[in-house]
Amino acid sequence: MSKNIRALAARCLYAVVDQGRSLNDELPKQQLLVDSPKDKGLLQELCYGVLRYLPELELQVRRFVNKPLTGKQRVFHFLMIVGIYQIKYTRIPDHAAVAETVAATAILKNKHLKGLVNAVLRSYQREPELDETLPDAVKYNHPGWFIKKIQAGYPDSWQQILEQNQQRPPMWLRVNQSKKSVTDYLTLLSEQEIEVVQVAPLSQAILLASPVDVQKLPGFSDGWVSVQDGAAQMAAPLLQAQANDNVLDCCAAPGGKTCHILELTPNLGSMTAIDIEAQRLVRVEENLARLGLQANVIAADAVNTEQWFNGQHFDRILLDAPCSGTGVIRKNPDIKWLRRASDIDSLVVLQQQILKSIWALLKPGGTMIYATCSILPEENTEQVKRFVENNADAHLEDLAIVDNCKDWQILPGENSMDGFYYAKLTKKAVH
């Protein structure tokens, strides 16, 4: 098969938007068909870029297509969107963008649509902008239901949140402090001329000036460093695991937080990492192996604990609950198009079920960190408030390292971090 990057991008986008597949699953499949790193990078840029600006790009296609494409022809709808994205948002010369996109019609086995694709792209070149007032969904490139939720939760900052979601994510590093000090690793980065913007004071996370290939990071394959967002790197310091603690990381895949806890407290009593998807635990095992760490990794349902719990209660539990992912849209723009308003209610119920079942595994006097990568209040502050009200032995603690606040909602882009939520619960002995 010819490796026309635009054809591969159109196929990938069709699978994500029309068939509801995850970009993290679909993009690697298409990248396997490409040899050069440069072409892999272009394919990623086209897919991510289109998903960031989808409503705006679809509106442009609708201007020039009288009859919407349906059925097997839908992939050509996405091909035209890929073409317009290149013209509007990339440095690819217009003539090359048009020629390569039109050429993709042959690869996608429908030369009859060559004329349509060519006409739409040339029409857009002649008349790129609209004068009309755009609806919010197009103006902000987010689904209408999501905009309404953000407006309700953050009436003073909703536009800023939506704008941050459209940004490219920065690259944060986590130094494996059981192998290298942060100071030493900063020296190694400097020697490689990899520029650092800041080191987060609480977590020692390192923010790079621009992303680099992980293989260019000193000692990556030797487990000296990992890639993990600055917000996610707050979980382990907040958990404050101690020597000999029995620790559970619930919903652990892909294992970044599991590894971070082990790095910070190498003399733990034991670490158990569970996730309901066995396939996702492969990544946990890979990360542990690369970093030279050990944990008891179990494919397990957090709600049905009787299937796997061995009766040894935990001193500390990190519950990174299944959530809407609305805090990590910068690096997963497909979330905007895969999520539905009805999903949120289902997730809130699932979070309640997991909280209830996992809380029973915590020792009296033990600590649980409840975390999500969501920014929706119903998954976060409202969820924790309800849990504390309904459980006499649950106490919401101050997050001592964060200005004595009871819980912490990080918004996308805040200190260059992803959107994330943390609350610290301790279990009181009830007499």
Protein backbone atom coordinates (compact mmCIF):
# COMPACT_ATOMS: atom_id res chain seq x y z
CA MET A 1 0.00 0.00 0.00
CA SER A 2 1.27 3.47 -0.85
CA LYS A 3 2.04 5.43 2.28
CA ASN A 4 0.11 8.62 1.56
CA ILE A 5 0.06 10.27 5.00
CA ARG A 6 -3.19 12.13 4.28
CA ALA A 7 -4.98 8.87 3.46
CA LEU A 8 -3.76 7.31 6.71
CA ALA A 9 -4.87 10.39 8.66
CA ALA A 10 -8.34 10.28 7.08
CA ARG A 11 -8.71 6.60 8.01
CA CYS A 12 -7.59 7.25 11.57
CA LEU A 13 -9.96 10.19 12.02
CA TYR A 14 -12.88 8.25 10.54
CA ALA A 15 -12.23 5.45 13.07
CA VAL A 16 -12.11 7.92 15.98
CA VAL A 17 -14.93 10.33 15.16
CA ASP A 18 -17.42 8.10 13.34
CA GLN A 19 -16.66 4.74 14.96
CA GLY A 20 -15.86 5.95 18.47
CA ARG A 21 -12.37 4.44 18.67
CA SER A 22 -9.61 5.88 20.85
CA LEU A 23 -6.90 7.94 19.14
CA ASN A 24 -4.34 6.20 21.40
CA ASP A 25 -5.40 2.89 19.82
CA GLU A 26 -5.91 3.99 16.21
CA LEU A 27 -2.93 6.27 15.57
CA PRO A 28 -0.25 3.64 16.37
CA LYS A 29 -1.96 1.22 13.92
CA GLN A 30 -1.62 3.74 11.09
CA GLN A 31 1.90 4.74 12.16
CA LEU A 32 3.00 1.12 11.76
CA LEU A 33 2.43 1.59 8.01
CA VAL A 34 4.96 4.46 7.91
CA ASP A 35 8.73 4.07 7.99
CA SER A 36 10.27 7.47 8.61
CA PRO A 37 10.03 9.28 11.98
CA LYS A 38 9.26 12.48 10.04
CA ASP A 39 6.21 10.91 8.39
CA LYS A 40 5.06 9.41 11.70
CA GLY A 41 5.30 12.90 13.19
CA LEU A 42 3.29 14.44 10.33
CA LEU A 43 0.60 11.79 10.69
CA GLN A 44 0.34 12.55 14.41
CA GLU A 45 0.23 16.31 13.76
CA LEU A 46 -2.62 15.93 11.24
CA CYS A 47 -4.72 13.68 13.50
CA TYR A 48 -4.23 15.69 16.68
CA GLY A 49 -4.68 18.99 14.87
CA VAL A 50 -7.93 18.00 13.18
CA LEU A 51 -9.38 16.75 16.48
CA ARG A 52 -8.52 20.07 18.13
CA TYR A 53 -10.35 22.09 15.48
CA LEU A 54 -12.97 19.60 14.26
CA PRO A 55 -16.19 21.73 14.40
CA GLU A 56 -14.52 24.65 12.66
CA LEU A 57 -13.07 22.40 9.93
CA GLU A 58 -16.36 20.55 9.42
CA LEU A 59 -18.14 23.86 8.95
CA GLN A 60 -15.68 24.77 6.19
CA VAL A 61 -16.29 21.46 4.38
CA ARG A 62 -20.07 21.89 4.64
CA ARG A 63 -19.78 25.28 2.91
CA PHE A 64 -18.51 23.68 -0.28
CA VAL A 65 -20.20 20.23 -0.30
CA ASN A 66 -23.85 20.30 -1.37
CA LYS A 67 -24.68 16.77 -0.27
CA PRO A 68 -22.94 15.32 2.84
CA LEU A 69 -20.91 12.16 2.22
CA THR A 70 -22.30 9.02 3.87
CA GLY A 71 -21.44 5.34 4.31
CA LYS A 72 -18.14 4.25 2.79
CA GLN A 73 -17.60 7.73 1.41
CA ARG A 74 -17.34 9.24 4.90
CA VAL A 75 -13.58 8.71 4.95
CA PHE A 76 -13.39 11.31 2.15
CA HIS A 77 -15.18 13.81 4.37
CA PHE A 78 -12.25 13.45 6.78
CA LEU A 79 -9.77 13.64 3.90
CA MET A 80 -11.15 17.07 2.96
CA ILE A 81 -10.93 18.15 6.60
CA VAL A 82 -7.27 17.03 6.65
CA GLY A 83 -6.68 19.13 3.54
CA ILE A 84 -8.22 22.27 5.02
CA TYR A 85 -6.34 21.76 8.30
CA GLN A 86 -3.03 21.72 6.41
CA ILE A 87 -3.87 24.93 4.55
CA LYS A 88 -5.05 26.78 7.64
CA TYR A 89 -2.81 25.51 10.45
CA THR A 90 0.43 24.06 9.07
CA ARG A 91 3.49 25.38 7.26
CA ILE A 92 3.02 22.89 4.44
CA PRO A 93 2.84 24.92 1.19
CA ASP A 94 -0.76 25.10 -0.04
CA HIS A 95 0.04 23.54 -3.42
CA ALA A 96 1.69 20.53 -1.74
CA ALA A 97 -1.16 20.13 0.76
CA VAL A 98 -3.74 20.15 -2.04
CA ALA A 99 -1.76 17.84 -4.36
CA GLU A 100 -1.03 15.21 -1.67
CA THR A 101 -4.60 15.29 -0.33
CA VAL A 102 -6.10 14.90 -3.81
CA ALA A 103 -3.64 12.07 -4.53
CA ALA A 104 -4.94 10.26 -1.44
CA THR A 105 -8.29 9.64 -3.18
CA ALA A 106 -6.61 6.95 -5.29
CA ILE A 107 -5.12 5.28 -2.21
CA LEU A 108 -8.56 5.31 -0.57
CA LYS A 109 -9.89 3.57 -3.72
CA ASN A 110 -12.30 6.15 -5.06
CA LYS A 111 -10.88 8.23 -7.89
CA HIS A 112 -14.42 9.45 -8.66
CA LEU A 113 -14.19 11.77 -5.65
CA LYS A 114 -10.90 13.28 -6.80
CA GLY A 115 -12.71 16.20 -8.46
CA LEU A 116 -14.81 16.92 -5.36
CA VAL A 117 -11.81 16.89 -3.01
CA ASN A 118 -9.84 19.13 -5.37
CA ALA A 119 -12.76 21.56 -5.80
CA VAL A 120 -13.40 21.86 -2.04
CA LEU A 121 -9.76 22.57 -1.20
CA ARG A 122 -9.38 25.13 -4.00
CA SER A 123 -12.66 26.80 -3.00
CA TYR A 124 -11.36 27.08 0.55
CA GLN A 125 -8.10 28.61 -0.71
CA ARG A 126 -10.09 31.29 -2.58
CA GLU A 127 -12.56 31.95 0.24
CA PRO A 128 -11.01 30.85 3.54
CA GLU A 129 -12.90 32.94 6.09
CA LEU A 130 -16.53 33.31 7.12
CA ASP A 131 -18.07 36.64 8.12
CA GLU A 132 -20.98 35.12 10.01
CA THR A 133 -21.23 34.90 13.81
CA LEU A 134 -20.29 31.37 14.79
CA PRO A 135 -22.05 29.24 17.43
CA ASP A 136 -19.99 28.57 20.57
CA ALA A 137 -19.37 24.91 19.61
CA VAL A 138 -17.58 26.11 16.44
CA LYS A 139 -16.02 29.23 17.96
CA TYR A 140 -14.42 27.28 20.83
CA ASN A 141 -14.12 23.87 19.08
CA HIS A 142 -15.79 21.94 21.92
CA PRO A 143 -19.15 20.11 22.04
CA GLY A 144 -22.03 22.27 23.21
CA TRP A 145 -22.89 20.09 26.23
CA PHE A 146 -19.32 20.34 27.49
CA ILE A 147 -19.21 24.12 27.10
CA LYS A 148 -22.41 24.38 29.18
CA LYS A 149 -20.90 22.22 31.96
CA ILE A 150 -17.72 24.30 32.08
CA GLN A 151 -19.73 27.54 32.08
CA ALA A 152 -21.77 26.24 35.03
CA GLY A 153 -18.74 25.03 37.00
CA TYR A 154 -16.43 27.94 36.19
CA PRO A 155 -18.52 31.01 35.30
CA ASP A 156 -15.52 33.35 35.54
CA SER A 157 -12.90 31.28 33.73
CA TRP A 158 -14.70 28.96 31.28
CA GLN A 159 -13.29 30.65 28.16
CA GLN A 160 -9.75 30.38 29.51
CA ILE A 161 -10.27 26.64 30.21
CA LEU A 162 -11.52 26.02 26.66
CA GLU A 163 -8.59 27.98 25.22
CA GLN A 164 -6.11 25.98 27.31
CA ASN A 165 -7.65 22.74 26.06
CA GLN A 166 -6.66 23.80 22.53
CA GLN A 167 -2.97 24.16 23.40
CA ARG A 168 -0.29 21.57 22.73
CA PRO A 169 0.74 19.82 25.94
CA PRO A 170 4.18 20.58 27.38
CA MET A 171 6.63 17.81 28.32
CA TRP A 172 7.24 17.12 32.02
CA LEU A 173 9.86 14.72 33.37
CA ARG A 174 9.96 12.74 36.61
CA VAL A 175 13.46 11.85 37.81
CA ASN A 176 13.79 8.42 39.42
CA GLN A 177 15.31 9.74 42.64
CA SER A 178 16.30 6.24 43.76
CA LYS A 179 18.83 6.35 40.87
CA LYS A 180 19.67 10.03 40.22
CA SER A 181 19.15 13.26 42.13
CA VAL A 182 17.15 15.98 40.39
CA THR A 183 20.21 18.28 40.55
CA ASP A 184 22.40 15.69 38.83
CA TYR A 185 19.76 15.06 36.17
CA LEU A 186 19.43 18.79 35.43
CA THR A 187 23.19 18.79 34.78
CA LEU A 188 22.80 15.86 32.35
CA LEU A 189 20.02 17.71 30.50
CA SER A 190 22.18 20.82 30.26
CA GLU A 191 25.05 18.76 28.81
CA GLN A 192 22.65 17.47 26.14
CA GLU A 193 21.48 21.07 25.50
CA ILE A 194 17.92 20.17 26.52
CA GLU A 195 16.43 23.38 27.90
CA VAL A 196 14.50 23.36 31.18
CA VAL A 197 11.84 25.97 32.05
CA GLN A 198 11.27 25.16 35.71
CA VAL A 199 11.40 22.55 38.47
CA ALA A 200 8.11 22.28 40.37
CA PRO A 201 8.81 23.05 44.06
CA LEU A 202 6.48 20.41 45.55
CA SER A 203 7.06 17.41 43.31
CA GLN A 204 10.49 18.19 41.77
CA ALA A 205 8.90 17.66 38.34
CA ILE A 206 10.98 19.11 35.48
CA LEU A 207 9.26 21.12 32.73
CA LEU A 208 11.09 21.16 29.39
CA ALA A 209 11.06 24.18 27.07
CA SER A 210 9.93 21.93 24.22
CA PRO A 211 9.21 18.21 23.81
CA VAL A 212 12.05 15.84 22.85
CA ASP A 213 12.19 12.23 21.76
CA VAL A 214 12.40 10.08 24.91
CA GLN A 215 15.42 8.25 23.51
CA LYS A 216 17.32 11.55 23.65
CA LEU A 217 16.71 11.82 27.40
CA PRO A 218 19.84 10.82 29.36
CA GLY A 219 19.43 7.37 30.91
CA PHE A 220 15.81 6.87 29.78
CA SER A 221 16.29 3.19 28.91
CA ASP A 222 18.20 2.73 32.20
CA GLY A 223 15.23 3.98 34.21
CA TRP A 224 16.67 7.31 35.32
CA VAL A 225 13.68 9.32 34.13
CA SER A 226 10.04 9.03 33.01
CA VAL A 227 7.61 11.28 31.17
CA GLN A 228 4.68 12.29 33.40
CA ASP A 229 2.64 15.48 33.62
CA GLY A 230 3.39 17.83 36.50
CA ALA A 231 -0.13 17.44 37.93
CA ALA A 232 0.05 13.64 37.95
CA GLN A 233 3.39 13.89 39.78
CA MET A 234 1.61 15.37 42.80
CA ALA A 235 -0.11 12.06 43.66
CA ALA A 236 2.88 10.34 45.31
CA PRO A 237 3.97 13.34 47.44
CA LEU A 238 0.36 13.81 48.60
CA LEU A 239 0.01 10.11 49.52
CA GLN A 240 3.13 10.39 51.76
CA ALA A 241 3.71 6.63 51.90
CA GLN A 242 6.04 5.57 54.72
CA ALA A 243 8.51 2.74 55.21
CA ASN A 244 6.82 -0.68 55.64
CA ASP A 245 3.40 0.64 54.50
CA ASN A 246 1.08 -1.71 52.64
CA VAL A 247 0.00 0.42 49.65
CA LEU A 248 -2.70 0.00 46.98
CA ASP A 249 -2.73 1.89 43.69
CA CYS A 250 -6.28 1.42 42.42
CA CYS A 251 -6.96 1.87 38.66
CA ALA A 252 -3.19 2.02 38.23
CA ALA A 253 -2.55 1.74 34.48
CA PRO A 254 -0.28 2.82 32.86
CA GLY A 255 1.62 2.80 36.15
CA GLY A 256 3.29 6.20 36.39
CA LYS A 257 1.98 6.88 39.88
CA THR A 258 2.71 3.32 41.07
CA CYS A 259 6.33 3.75 40.01
CA HIS A 260 6.60 7.22 41.52
CA ILE A 261 5.42 5.98 44.94
CA LEU A 262 8.01 3.17 44.81
CA GLU A 263 10.75 5.60 43.72
CA LEU A 264 10.04 7.92 46.65
CA THR A 265 9.66 5.11 49.22
CA PRO A 266 11.87 2.18 48.16
CA ASN A 267 11.40 0.46 51.55
CA LEU A 268 7.62 0.06 51.33
CA GLY A 269 6.15 -3.05 52.94
CA SER A 270 4.33 -3.93 49.72
CA MET A 271 2.79 -2.27 46.66
CA THR A 272 -0.30 -3.65 44.91
CA ALA A 273 -1.38 -2.17 41.59
CA ILE A 274 -4.77 -3.11 40.15
CA ASP A 275 -6.62 -2.24 36.96
CA ILE A 276 -9.72 -3.78 35.43
CA GLU A 277 -8.14 -3.99 31.95
CA ALA A 278 -5.48 -6.71 31.81
CA GLN A 279 -4.22 -5.34 28.48
CA ARG A 280 -3.43 -1.96 30.07
CA LEU A 281 -1.41 -3.67 32.81
CA VAL A 282 1.20 -4.62 30.21
CA ARG A 283 2.30 -0.97 30.32
CA VAL A 284 2.50 -1.09 34.12
CA GLU A 285 4.79 -4.15 33.95
CA GLU A 286 6.94 -2.48 31.26
CA ASN A 287 7.34 0.70 33.32
CA LEU A 288 8.22 -1.26 36.47
CA ALA A 289 10.79 -3.32 34.54
CA ARG A 290 12.46 -0.28 32.92
CA LEU A 291 12.69 1.49 36.28
CA GLY A 292 13.89 -1.60 38.16
CA LEU A 293 10.89 -1.63 40.52
CA GLN A 294 8.59 -4.36 41.83
CA ALA A 295 4.86 -4.46 42.58
CA ASN A 296 2.09 -7.01 42.83
CA VAL A 297 0.19 -6.28 39.60
CA ILE A 298 -3.35 -7.70 39.39
CA ALA A 299 -6.09 -7.48 36.74
CA ALA A 300 -8.99 -6.80 39.11
CA ASP A 301 -12.35 -5.07 39.38
CA ALA A 302 -12.19 -2.37 42.05
CA VAL A 303 -15.90 -2.78 42.81
CA ASN A 304 -15.82 -6.56 43.39
CA THR A 305 -12.97 -6.72 45.89
CA GLU A 306 -13.86 -10.19 47.17
CA GLN A 307 -12.45 -11.61 43.91
CA TRP A 308 -8.89 -10.48 44.65
CA PHE A 309 -8.44 -8.92 48.12
CA ASN A 310 -6.29 -11.16 50.37
CA GLY A 311 -7.47 -9.72 53.69
CA GLN A 312 -4.33 -7.61 54.31
CA HIS A 313 -5.75 -4.11 54.78
CA PHE A 314 -3.87 -1.14 53.36
CA ASP A 315 -2.14 1.74 55.17
CA ARG A 316 -2.40 3.98 52.12
CA ILE A 317 -4.55 3.86 48.99
CA LEU A 318 -4.28 5.95 45.85
CA LEU A 319 -7.61 5.86 44.01
CA ASP A 320 -7.08 7.47 40.62
CA ALA A 321 -10.73 6.95 39.69
CA PRO A 322 -12.11 6.29 36.19
CA CYS A 323 -13.31 9.70 35.00
CA SER A 324 -14.29 11.83 32.03
CA GLY A 325 -10.66 12.80 31.30
CA THR A 326 -11.81 16.40 30.83
CA GLY A 327 -8.60 17.71 32.42
CA VAL A 328 -6.31 16.08 29.84
CA ILE A 329 -7.92 17.23 26.58
CA ARG A 330 -4.66 19.00 25.64
CA LYS A 331 -2.97 15.65 25.10
CA ASN A 332 -6.12 13.63 24.26
CA PRO A 333 -8.22 15.88 22.00
CA ASP A 334 -10.39 12.90 20.97
CA ILE A 335 -11.97 13.04 24.45
CA LYS A 336 -14.08 15.97 23.21
CA TRP A 337 -15.70 13.80 20.54
CA LEU A 338 -15.77 10.41 22.31
CA ARG A 339 -17.47 11.62 25.51
CA ARG A 340 -21.23 12.17 25.79
CA ALA A 341 -23.11 14.15 28.44
CA SER A 342 -24.75 10.90 29.59
CA ASP A 343 -21.30 9.37 30.25
CA ILE A 344 -20.74 11.76 33.15
CA ASP A 345 -23.70 10.47 35.18
CA SER A 346 -22.54 6.87 34.65
CA LEU A 347 -18.99 7.73 35.71
CA VAL A 348 -20.20 9.47 38.87
CA VAL A 349 -22.10 6.31 39.86
CA LEU A 350 -19.07 4.11 39.11
CA GLN A 351 -16.82 6.40 41.19
CA GLN A 352 -19.26 6.11 44.11
CA GLN A 353 -19.22 2.31 43.86
CA ILE A 354 -15.41 2.15 43.75
CA LEU A 355 -15.03 4.61 46.64
CA LYS A 356 -17.35 2.52 48.79
CA SER A 357 -15.69 -0.84 48.04
CA ILE A 358 -12.08 0.36 48.23
CA TRP A 359 -12.67 2.38 51.43
CA ALA A 360 -13.48 -0.93 53.17
CA LEU A 361 -9.90 -2.10 52.43
CA LEU A 362 -8.28 0.85 54.24
CA LYS A 363 -7.03 0.39 57.81
CA PRO A 364 -8.41 2.66 60.56
CA GLY A 365 -5.98 5.58 60.68
CA GLY A 366 -5.08 4.97 57.03
CA THR A 367 -4.98 7.54 54.23
CA MET A 368 -6.68 7.55 50.82
CA ILE A 369 -5.94 10.02 48.05
CA TYR A 370 -8.91 10.38 45.70
CA ALA A 371 -7.76 11.69 42.33
CA THR A 372 -9.18 12.25 38.85
CA CYS A 373 -7.95 13.87 35.64
CA SER A 374 -11.33 15.61 35.41
CA ILE A 375 -12.33 19.24 35.97
CA LEU A 376 -16.07 18.56 36.43
CA PRO A 377 -17.30 19.35 39.97
CA GLU A 378 -19.69 16.37 40.04
CA GLU A 379 -16.76 13.98 39.69
CA ASN A 380 -14.58 15.86 42.18
CA THR A 381 -15.63 18.25 44.96
CA GLU A 382 -19.28 17.11 44.90
CA GLN A 383 -18.28 13.45 44.85
CA VAL A 384 -15.96 13.78 47.87
CA LYS A 385 -18.44 15.95 49.80
CA ARG A 386 -21.15 13.31 49.35
CA PHE A 387 -18.80 10.50 50.41
CA VAL A 388 -17.73 12.27 53.63
CA GLU A 389 -21.36 13.09 54.50
CA ASN A 390 -22.38 9.42 54.04
CA ASN A 391 -19.43 7.81 55.87
CA ALA A 392 -18.96 8.65 59.55
CA ASP A 393 -15.40 7.26 59.54
CA ALA A 394 -14.26 9.45 56.60
CA HIS A 395 -12.45 12.71 57.32
CA LEU A 396 -11.38 15.20 54.64
CA GLU A 397 -7.87 16.30 55.55
CA ASP A 398 -6.06 19.51 54.66
CA LEU A 399 -3.64 19.00 51.78
CA ALA A 400 -0.88 20.36 54.01
CA ILE A 401 1.58 20.98 51.18
CA VAL A 402 -0.91 23.01 49.14
CA ASP A 403 -1.80 26.15 51.12
CA ASN A 404 -3.91 24.20 53.64
CA CYS A 405 -6.77 23.69 51.20
CA LYS A 406 -9.26 20.85 51.74
CA ASP A 407 -9.03 19.66 48.16
CA TRP A 408 -7.20 20.79 45.06
CA GLN A 409 -8.66 21.39 41.61
CA ILE A 410 -5.89 22.08 39.12
CA LEU A 411 -7.21 23.59 35.88
CA PRO A 412 -5.71 22.90 32.43
CA GLY A 413 -2.67 25.08 31.84
CA GLU A 414 -2.37 26.13 35.49
CA ASN A 415 1.41 26.23 36.09
CA SER A 416 1.64 24.45 32.70
CA MET A 417 -0.03 21.33 34.18
CA ASP A 418 -2.96 19.17 33.07
CA GLY A 419 -6.33 19.50 34.75
CA PHE A 420 -6.36 17.28 37.83
CA TYR A 421 -8.16 16.88 41.16
CA TYR A 422 -6.92 15.68 44.56
CA ALA A 423 -8.60 15.10 47.92
CA LYS A 424 -7.04 13.45 50.99
CA LEU A 425 -9.29 11.27 53.18
CA THR A 426 -8.31 9.62 56.45
CA LYS A 427 -10.20 6.79 58.13
CA LYS A 428 -11.22 7.47 61.69
CA ALA A 429 -11.65 4.66 64.18
CA VAL A 430 -15.41 4.67 64.91
CA HIS A 431 -16.41 3.38 68.36
